[in-house]
Protein backbone atom coordinates (compact mmCIF):
# COMPACT_ATOMS: atom_id res chain seq x y z
CA MET A 1 78.32 96.10 101.67
CA ALA A 2 74.84 96.36 100.47
CA ASP A 3 73.53 93.38 99.25
CA ASN A 4 70.57 94.64 97.45
CA THR A 5 69.82 94.94 93.65
CA HIS A 6 69.86 98.10 91.94
CA VAL A 7 68.10 98.71 88.45
CA ARG A 8 70.42 100.42 86.14
CA GLY A 9 69.36 103.69 84.37
CA ASN A 10 67.68 106.36 85.69
CA GLU A 11 67.97 105.38 89.33
CA THR A 12 71.68 104.84 88.35
CA ALA A 13 71.99 108.58 87.39
CA ALA A 14 69.93 109.43 90.73
CA THR A 15 72.75 107.58 92.79
CA ALA A 16 75.68 109.50 91.04
CA ASN A 17 74.16 112.46 91.90
CA HIS A 18 73.67 111.52 95.56
CA GLY A 19 77.55 111.31 95.59
CA HIS A 20 78.30 107.65 94.73
CA HIS A 21 80.42 105.55 92.51
CA GLU A 22 78.01 102.31 91.55
CA VAL A 23 80.11 99.08 91.30
CA THR A 24 78.77 95.54 91.26
CA GLN A 25 80.01 92.68 93.56
CA LYS A 26 81.45 91.17 90.92
CA ASP A 27 83.55 94.42 90.12
CA VAL A 28 84.58 94.17 93.77
CA ARG A 29 85.64 90.49 93.84
CA THR A 30 87.71 90.71 90.81
CA ALA A 31 89.46 94.01 91.73
CA VAL A 32 90.48 92.82 95.50
CA SER A 33 91.12 89.13 94.61
CA SER A 34 93.56 90.06 91.59
CA ALA A 35 95.39 92.66 93.95
CA THR A 36 95.54 90.11 96.73
CA ILE A 37 96.87 87.52 94.63
CA GLY A 38 99.20 89.29 92.43
CA THR A 39 100.81 91.16 95.52
CA SER A 40 101.25 87.97 97.06
CA ILE A 41 103.38 86.45 93.83
CA GLU A 42 105.14 89.86 93.77
CA TRP A 43 105.87 89.52 97.56
CA TYR A 44 107.19 85.86 97.25
CA ASP A 45 109.80 87.02 94.77
CA PHE A 46 110.61 89.89 96.47
CA PHE A 47 111.13 88.25 100.20
CA LEU A 48 112.48 85.00 98.62
CA TYR A 49 115.74 86.83 98.14
CA GLY A 50 115.71 88.07 101.50
CA THR A 51 115.32 84.40 102.98
CA ALA A 52 118.24 83.75 100.32
CA ALA A 53 120.22 86.76 101.65
CA GLY A 54 120.42 85.15 104.99
CA LEU A 55 120.83 81.37 104.07
CA VAL A 56 122.35 81.29 100.75
CA PHE A 57 123.67 84.11 99.03
CA ASN A 58 126.12 85.17 101.67
CA ARG A 59 128.00 81.46 101.18
CA LEU A 60 127.59 81.29 97.17
CA TYR A 61 128.04 85.05 96.12
CA PHE A 62 129.97 86.89 98.79
CA PRO A 63 132.42 84.21 100.13
CA ASP A 64 135.06 85.96 102.93
CA ASP A 65 136.55 84.36 105.73
CA ASP A 66 134.92 86.42 107.99
CA PRO A 67 131.11 85.17 108.40
CA LEU A 68 129.66 88.73 109.37
CA VAL A 69 131.37 90.54 106.40
CA ALA A 70 130.10 88.40 103.98
CA THR A 71 126.42 88.36 105.72
CA ILE A 72 126.44 92.15 105.67
CA LEU A 73 127.81 92.07 102.00
CA SER A 74 124.58 89.90 101.27
CA TYR A 75 122.28 92.14 103.08
CA ALA A 76 123.79 95.02 101.03
CA THR A 77 122.14 93.48 97.85
CA PHE A 78 118.65 93.01 99.49
CA ALA A 79 119.15 96.59 100.72
CA VAL A 80 119.58 97.43 96.92
CA GLY A 81 116.04 96.32 96.19
CA PHE A 82 114.78 98.75 98.64
CA ILE A 83 116.87 101.80 97.49
CA ALA A 84 115.63 100.90 93.62
CA ARG A 85 111.82 100.88 95.28
CA PRO A 86 111.60 104.62 95.34
CA LEU A 87 112.44 104.87 91.55
CA GLY A 88 109.68 102.21 90.76
CA GLY A 89 107.43 104.01 93.01
CA LEU A 90 107.81 107.49 91.07
CA VAL A 91 107.55 106.20 87.52
CA PHE A 92 104.49 103.84 87.82
CA GLY A 93 103.27 106.14 90.38
CA HIS A 94 102.99 108.74 87.34
CA LEU A 95 101.69 106.16 85.02
CA GLY A 96 99.29 104.72 87.42
CA ASP A 97 97.78 108.38 88.07
CA ARG A 98 98.10 109.18 84.61
CA ILE A 99 96.70 106.48 82.60
CA GLY A 100 95.11 104.14 85.21
CA ARG A 101 96.25 101.35 88.18
CA LYS A 102 95.46 98.14 85.75
CA LYS A 103 97.83 98.89 83.45
CA THR A 104 100.98 99.72 85.49
CA LEU A 105 100.23 96.41 87.67
CA ILE A 106 100.70 94.17 84.47
CA VAL A 107 104.27 95.78 83.55
CA THR A 108 105.25 95.57 87.28
CA MET A 109 104.63 91.60 87.37
CA TYR A 110 106.31 91.15 84.01
CA ILE A 111 109.28 92.77 85.33
CA MET A 112 109.29 91.28 88.95
CA GLY A 113 108.82 87.71 87.40
CA SER A 114 111.61 88.28 84.75
CA ALA A 115 113.87 89.33 87.37
CA THR A 116 113.31 86.69 90.01
CA LEU A 117 113.43 83.78 87.30
CA LEU A 118 116.97 85.38 85.95
CA ILE A 119 118.28 85.34 89.68
CA GLY A 120 117.70 81.44 89.91
CA ALA A 121 120.06 81.03 87.06
CA ILE A 122 122.91 83.31 87.85
CA PRO A 123 126.72 81.17 88.26
CA THR A 124 127.92 81.40 91.44
CA HIS A 125 131.06 83.35 92.86
CA GLU A 126 133.49 80.48 92.14
CA GLN A 127 132.17 79.84 88.81
CA ILE A 128 132.01 83.14 87.15
CA GLY A 129 134.03 85.72 89.99
CA ILE A 130 132.89 89.36 90.59
CA TRP A 131 130.28 88.99 88.03
CA ALA A 132 128.20 86.62 90.26
CA PRO A 133 127.37 89.55 92.94
CA ILE A 134 127.23 92.28 90.32
CA LEU A 135 124.57 90.38 88.39
CA LEU A 136 122.95 89.61 91.24
CA THR A 137 123.01 93.36 92.29
CA LEU A 138 121.21 94.28 88.77
CA LEU A 139 118.38 92.18 88.86
CA ARG A 140 117.82 92.84 92.77
CA VAL A 141 117.38 96.75 91.18
CA ALA A 142 114.97 95.40 88.63
CA GLN A 143 113.02 93.31 91.75
CA GLY A 144 112.97 96.68 93.45
CA ILE A 145 111.38 99.01 90.65
CA ALA A 146 108.82 96.59 89.88
CA ILE A 147 107.68 96.14 93.52
CA GLY A 148 108.13 99.88 93.96
CA GLY A 149 105.31 100.52 91.15
CA GLU A 150 103.34 97.27 92.51
CA TRP A 151 102.50 98.33 96.16
CA GLY A 152 100.65 101.46 95.33
CA GLY A 153 98.39 100.25 92.68
CA ALA A 154 97.79 97.22 94.44
CA VAL A 155 96.20 98.48 97.41
CA LEU A 156 94.30 101.26 95.48
CA LEU A 157 92.42 99.07 93.72
CA SER A 158 91.07 97.36 96.74
CA VAL A 159 90.54 100.77 98.88
CA GLU A 160 89.34 102.69 95.92
CA TYR A 161 86.52 99.51 95.42
CA ALA A 162 85.51 100.10 99.05
CA PRO A 163 82.87 101.94 100.70
CA LYS A 164 84.42 104.88 102.62
CA LYS A 165 83.43 102.86 105.99
CA GLN A 166 85.13 99.43 104.61
CA ARG A 167 88.34 100.92 103.42
CA GLY A 168 90.61 99.33 106.12
CA LEU A 169 89.02 96.08 105.91
CA TYR A 170 88.99 96.31 101.79
CA GLY A 171 92.83 97.75 101.91
CA SER A 172 94.14 95.24 104.20
CA PHE A 173 93.27 92.01 101.58
CA PRO A 174 96.22 92.67 99.31
CA GLN A 175 98.28 93.51 102.54
CA MET A 176 97.67 90.19 103.18
CA GLY A 177 99.98 89.37 100.31
CA ILE A 178 103.34 90.25 102.34
CA ALA A 179 101.85 87.22 104.91
CA PHE A 180 101.37 84.65 101.77
CA GLY A 181 104.79 85.85 100.32
CA LEU A 182 106.60 84.97 103.38
CA LEU A 183 104.58 81.50 103.60
CA LEU A 184 105.81 80.79 100.46
CA GLY A 185 108.91 81.81 100.31
CA THR A 186 109.99 80.35 103.51
CA GLY A 187 107.39 77.47 102.37
CA ALA A 188 109.53 76.77 99.53
CA PHE A 189 112.85 77.08 101.26
CA THR A 190 111.62 74.41 103.64
CA ALA A 191 110.20 71.81 101.41
CA LEU A 192 113.42 71.95 99.28
CA GLY A 193 115.88 71.57 102.07
CA ALA A 194 113.86 68.49 103.66
CA VAL A 195 113.77 66.58 100.55
CA MET A 196 117.36 66.80 99.75
CA SER A 197 120.70 67.11 101.51
CA GLU A 198 122.37 70.40 102.66
CA GLU A 199 124.95 70.24 99.57
CA ALA A 200 122.39 69.64 97.34
CA PHE A 201 120.31 72.54 98.29
CA LEU A 202 123.06 74.83 98.20
CA ALA A 203 124.50 73.63 94.82
CA TRP A 204 120.77 73.70 93.08
CA GLY A 205 118.11 73.12 95.08
CA TRP A 206 117.59 76.69 96.15
CA ARG A 207 117.35 78.02 92.70
CA ILE A 208 114.04 76.04 92.00
CA ALA A 209 112.19 78.45 94.46
CA PHE A 210 113.34 80.99 91.52
CA PHE A 211 112.39 79.31 88.80
CA ALA A 212 108.79 78.37 90.52
CA SER A 213 108.14 82.27 89.89
CA LEU A 214 107.58 81.88 86.21
CA LEU A 215 104.37 79.81 86.86
CA LEU A 216 103.10 82.49 89.43
CA VAL A 217 103.67 85.03 87.56
CA ILE A 218 101.53 83.69 84.37
CA VAL A 219 98.59 83.32 86.85
CA GLY A 220 98.98 86.77 88.10
CA VAL A 221 98.83 88.61 84.57
CA TYR A 222 95.93 86.76 83.63
CA LEU A 223 94.12 87.72 86.66
CA ARG A 224 94.95 91.47 86.33
CA SER A 225 93.98 91.64 82.67
CA ARG A 226 90.29 90.79 83.69
CA ILE A 227 90.18 93.83 86.21
CA ALA A 228 88.83 97.44 85.34
CA ASP A 229 90.33 100.70 87.08
CA THR A 230 89.03 101.61 89.72
CA PRO A 231 85.78 103.82 90.29
CA ALA A 232 88.20 107.07 91.84
CA PHE A 233 90.41 107.16 89.12
CA LYS A 234 87.78 106.84 86.54
CA ALA A 235 85.93 110.05 88.54
CA ALA A 236 89.04 112.02 88.65
CA ARG A 237 89.77 111.37 84.90
CA GLU A 238 86.47 112.59 83.91
CA SER A 239 86.97 115.89 86.42
CA GLN A 240 90.10 116.76 85.12
CA ASP A 241 90.47 116.53 81.06
CA GLN A 242 93.90 117.30 81.35
CA LEU A 243 94.77 114.44 83.80
CA GLU A 244 96.79 112.33 80.75
CA LYS A 245 99.08 115.53 80.46
CA SER A 246 99.36 116.29 84.20
CA ILE A 247 102.62 115.68 85.98
CA PRO A 248 101.27 113.80 89.26
CA LEU A 249 104.29 114.82 91.19
CA ALA A 250 104.40 118.36 90.45
CA GLU A 251 100.94 118.66 91.36
CA LEU A 252 101.54 116.73 94.86
CA MET A 253 104.46 118.99 95.76
CA LYS A 254 102.17 122.41 94.74
CA ASP A 255 99.69 121.47 97.66
CA PRO A 256 101.17 121.91 100.83
CA LEU A 257 98.81 119.62 102.56
CA SER A 258 99.96 116.88 100.30
CA ARG A 259 103.54 117.84 100.88
CA ARG A 260 103.22 117.65 104.78
CA HIS A 261 101.33 114.12 104.46
CA VAL A 262 104.55 112.74 102.54
CA LEU A 263 106.70 113.69 104.89
CA LEU A 264 104.57 112.65 108.12
CA GLY A 265 103.86 109.49 106.30
CA MET A 266 107.17 108.63 105.72
CA GLY A 267 107.92 108.99 109.45
CA THR A 268 104.92 106.61 110.32
CA ARG A 269 106.43 104.00 108.00
CA TYR A 270 109.63 103.65 110.10
CA ALA A 271 108.58 101.59 112.80
CA GLU A 272 106.65 99.32 110.65
CA GLY A 273 109.25 98.82 107.80
CA VAL A 274 111.93 98.20 110.70
CA SER A 275 109.38 95.95 112.44
CA TYR A 276 108.70 93.32 109.35
CA ASN A 277 112.53 93.31 108.56
CA LEU A 278 113.64 92.46 112.13
CA TRP A 279 111.38 89.87 112.61
CA ALA A 280 111.15 88.16 109.34
CA VAL A 281 114.91 89.21 107.57
CA PHE A 282 117.31 89.90 110.47
CA LEU A 283 115.94 87.15 112.86
CA LEU A 284 117.14 84.41 110.40
CA SER A 285 120.80 85.19 110.62
CA TYR A 286 120.72 85.85 114.35
CA LEU A 287 118.62 82.70 115.25
CA THR A 288 120.89 80.29 113.22
CA GLY A 289 124.14 82.30 113.84
CA ASP A 290 124.11 83.53 117.68
CA VAL A 291 121.67 81.20 119.01
CA ASN A 292 122.57 78.39 117.09
CA MET A 293 119.09 77.38 116.09
CA GLU A 294 118.74 74.84 113.13
CA GLN A 295 117.86 76.61 109.84
CA HIS A 296 114.61 74.51 109.26
CA GLN A 297 113.11 75.15 112.85
CA VAL A 298 113.66 79.17 112.11
CA LEU A 299 111.90 78.57 108.53
CA ILE A 300 108.95 76.82 110.18
CA SER A 301 108.33 79.13 112.87
CA LEU A 302 108.24 81.98 109.84
CA MET A 303 106.03 79.88 108.39
CA ILE A 304 103.61 79.69 111.42
CA THR A 305 103.81 83.14 112.09
CA ALA A 306 103.13 83.85 108.06
CA VAL A 307 99.94 82.37 108.92
CA VAL A 308 98.86 84.60 112.08
CA LEU A 309 100.33 87.27 110.08
CA GLY A 310 97.61 86.59 107.40
CA ILE A 311 94.60 86.18 109.86
CA PHE A 312 95.34 89.32 111.98
CA ILE A 313 95.99 91.95 108.96
CA PRO A 314 92.14 91.97 108.31
CA VAL A 315 91.48 92.08 111.55
CA TRP A 316 93.03 95.08 112.31
CA GLY A 317 92.17 96.25 109.05
CA ALA A 318 88.61 95.79 110.19
CA VAL A 319 88.76 97.19 113.26
CA SER A 320 90.54 100.61 112.21
CA ASP A 321 87.17 101.33 109.90
CA ARG A 322 85.62 101.20 113.85
CA ILE A 323 88.12 103.21 115.69
CA SER A 324 90.97 105.43 114.48
CA ARG A 325 92.93 104.18 112.34
CA ARG A 326 95.89 106.50 113.98
CA LEU A 327 95.13 104.67 117.23
CA ILE A 328 95.57 101.49 116.16
CA PHE A 329 98.88 102.36 114.34
CA GLY A 330 99.88 104.37 117.08
CA LEU A 331 99.54 101.56 119.36
CA GLY A 332 101.16 99.08 117.28
CA ALA A 333 104.50 101.01 117.29
CA LEU A 334 104.20 101.45 121.02
CA LEU A 335 103.71 97.60 121.67
CA LEU A 336 107.10 96.96 119.51
CA GLY A 337 108.78 99.57 121.17
CA ILE A 338 107.98 98.03 124.80
CA SER A 339 108.40 94.42 124.03
CA VAL A 340 111.44 94.15 121.84
CA PHE A 341 114.02 93.62 124.68
CA PRO A 342 111.74 91.32 126.43
CA ALA A 343 111.08 89.39 123.30
CA PHE A 344 114.97 89.13 122.21
CA GLY A 345 115.56 87.71 126.10
CA ILE A 346 113.32 85.20 125.40
CA MET A 347 114.44 84.02 122.16
CA GLY A 348 118.26 84.37 123.42
CA GLY A 349 117.59 81.54 125.81
CA GLY A 350 117.50 78.73 122.58
CA SER A 351 114.23 77.42 123.00
CA TRP A 352 112.20 76.79 119.58
CA LEU A 353 108.56 76.69 121.18
CA PHE A 354 109.45 80.15 123.16
CA ALA A 355 111.27 81.70 120.13
CA THR A 356 108.18 80.84 117.78
CA LEU A 357 105.81 82.17 120.45
CA VAL A 358 107.54 85.19 120.54
CA LEU A 359 107.58 85.00 116.87
CA ILE A 360 103.88 84.77 116.38
CA VAL A 361 102.99 87.74 119.05
CA MET A 362 105.36 90.20 117.74
CA LEU A 363 105.32 89.69 113.91
CA GLY A 364 101.83 87.82 113.71
CA ILE A 365 99.86 90.19 116.07
CA VAL A 366 101.49 93.37 116.93
CA HIS A 367 103.20 93.99 113.19
CA PRO A 368 99.68 94.13 111.76
CA MET A 369 98.30 96.60 113.87
CA MET A 370 100.54 98.83 111.88
CA TYR A 371 100.45 97.04 108.72
CA GLY A 372 96.59 96.14 108.41
CA PRO A 373 95.09 99.81 108.40
CA GLN A 374 98.14 100.85 106.51
CA ALA A 375 96.82 101.08 102.66
CA ALA A 376 93.66 102.82 104.07
CA PHE A 377 95.61 105.15 106.31
CA TYR A 378 98.05 106.27 103.47
CA ALA A 379 95.24 106.48 100.89
CA GLU A 380 93.20 108.59 102.76
CA LEU A 381 96.22 111.18 102.96
CA PHE A 382 95.84 112.27 99.25
CA PRO A 383 93.37 113.16 96.64
CA PRO A 384 92.56 110.36 93.55
CA HIS A 385 94.36 112.44 91.35
CA THR A 386 97.76 112.09 92.83
CA ARG A 387 97.12 109.33 95.53
CA TYR A 388 99.23 106.47 93.43
CA THR A 389 102.31 108.82 93.50
CA GLY A 390 101.65 110.13 96.99
CA ILE A 391 101.54 106.83 98.25
CA SER A 392 104.23 105.03 96.53
CA ILE A 393 106.56 107.88 97.64
CA VAL A 394 105.42 107.77 101.18
CA TYR A 395 105.92 103.82 101.39
CA GLN A 396 108.73 103.36 99.32
CA LEU A 397 111.15 106.14 99.73
CA SER A 398 110.70 105.35 103.53
CA GLY A 399 111.15 101.82 102.99
CA ILE A 400 115.21 102.48 101.95
CA VAL A 401 116.05 103.09 105.66
CA ALA A 402 113.22 101.43 107.46
CA GLY A 403 113.30 98.22 104.88
CA GLY A 404 116.18 97.58 103.40
CA LEU A 405 118.94 98.83 105.53
CA THR A 406 117.37 97.41 108.75
CA PRO A 407 119.30 94.13 108.37
CA ILE A 408 122.47 95.86 107.77
CA ILE A 409 121.71 98.30 110.50
CA LEU A 410 120.94 95.78 112.90
CA THR A 411 123.81 93.53 112.12
CA SER A 412 126.43 96.43 112.41
CA LEU A 413 125.15 97.54 115.56
CA ALA A 414 125.10 94.34 117.20
CA GLY A 415 128.67 93.68 115.79
CA PHE A 416 129.73 96.88 117.53
CA GLY A 417 127.73 97.17 120.71
CA GLY A 418 126.18 93.83 120.85
CA MET A 419 122.22 93.18 120.73
CA PRO A 420 121.27 95.96 123.28
CA LEU A 421 122.67 98.59 120.85
CA SER A 422 120.48 97.13 117.72
CA LEU A 423 117.43 96.92 119.85
CA THR A 424 117.71 100.77 121.13
CA TYR A 425 117.92 101.61 117.73
CA VAL A 426 114.35 99.74 117.07
CA ILE A 427 112.89 101.87 119.96
CA VAL A 428 113.96 104.99 118.42
CA THR A 429 112.30 104.42 115.14
CA CYS A 430 109.28 103.87 117.25
CA VAL A 431 109.29 106.96 118.96
CA VAL A 432 109.53 108.59 115.74
CA THR A 433 106.54 107.01 114.36
CA ILE A 434 104.42 107.49 117.29
CA ALA A 435 105.58 111.54 116.87
CA CYS A 436 104.34 111.66 113.22
CA VAL A 437 101.00 109.45 113.69
CA ILE A 438 100.26 112.10 116.55
CA ALA A 439 101.01 114.96 113.86
CA ILE A 440 98.57 113.78 111.05
CA ARG A 441 95.37 115.51 112.13
CA PRO A 442 91.88 113.97 111.10
CA SER A 443 90.74 117.32 110.18
CA ASP A 444 93.61 117.11 107.29
CA ILE A 445 92.81 113.62 106.24
CA ALA A 446 89.13 114.90 105.49
CA ARG A 447 90.40 117.77 103.52
CA ALA A 448 92.48 115.49 101.76
CA THR A 449 89.57 113.48 100.78
CA ALA A 450 86.96 116.07 100.56
CA GLY A 451 84.66 115.64 97.47
CA GLU A 452 85.51 112.19 97.02
CA ARG A 453 82.52 110.22 96.28
CA ASP A 454 81.56 106.85 98.38
CA VAL A 455 81.46 103.67 96.71
CA LEU A 456 77.92 102.14 96.29
CA VAL A 457 77.93 98.13 95.55
CA THR A 458 75.18 96.58 94.18
CA GLY A 459 73.73 93.34 93.82
CA PRO A 460 73.82 91.51 90.30
CA VAL A 461 71.98 93.74 87.72
CA PRO A 462 68.80 92.01 86.34
CA THR A 463 68.91 90.91 82.69
CA VAL A 464 65.41 92.27 80.76
CA LYS A 465 64.52 89.81 78.18
């Protein structure tokens, strides 16, 4: 990042002619902080549901004599949010590529906050019968639509404000939102469970975590109202007079290279999505059910791991600026594949300490090898005028199977053939991801971003009196 001060005027024009977007350090700080904080809030809302699905909803909204069936039904509503995410990605990706990143991100935050608040107010199955799971599912759909539009815009705020040689680092900051969201979500449930009895927690205490979303959303909307659209979007708009009349999805599908990158990008997402939902969602019911660990012990392990995850996401993002992003991403998938059987073997012993160490290594260190560079990796697969749509399709459409269905698939496979069958499925996803990472050619990435101007970050602009 350049720290030198630039005088505007003729020098600005000269800078532009040499292929640069000029932005101030304040612009960058505002964009990156609003993207990171806003994403943390939305992931808190989204994964708060995932935590509740494994600990609360299966008991209050899907009562069944068979706990396995109740858990699968609860995870089914968790998956619905992922199924709705591509719709949000298409709708808000379209708007983001046509009218800008800023406006879409404010709308997605309003939708997410309202849905989360209302989830906390839904009566239980015992109180209103079948309407309880129906309302829960509908609001989960709203959450999915919101996060489907959120992710692409948030990461582009950071990536498109970053110099090309630092896109991995800058793009990793909003990715840290998933760690902060996990920390806040599990922390809220852990704190509530510590200050009240289990009966009180199930009766009403868990709802407080959902109601708290209202305050977080107010903060997020305020921050996003202060940002400006990214330099790359402004340049694309200036160079294409018909941008507001274009259909980004149609433009994306007309380009053979973009079509190829959509398919390969979704393949690379497979192991990453499975990895997160394996360690952060499925593991809740596995450790509390099969291994008989206490709920608060597992939540504390996840909180500790979330801190490590938040540290290593930008570490691997920065490393990907110096080493090939493809290499770091593929290595993360490889380590997941060769470690998953030993990891579950250790956790099956019932030791809280060993289970926590495994979580720290697998979710805190190995997983961010894929998740840290991901924003920059996917952004560089598409040109700016279709980028919001492209990365949203890659991330959200693949997320149906890679993310939302993972707890159901793993739970069902474990019930049918035991944990070895579930873990074999994880290895298969790693093979698919590695193959797709290899198939993405560096020369194609260069073609996708050809002609895009670099970002020059300047110091404070001097005031002429």
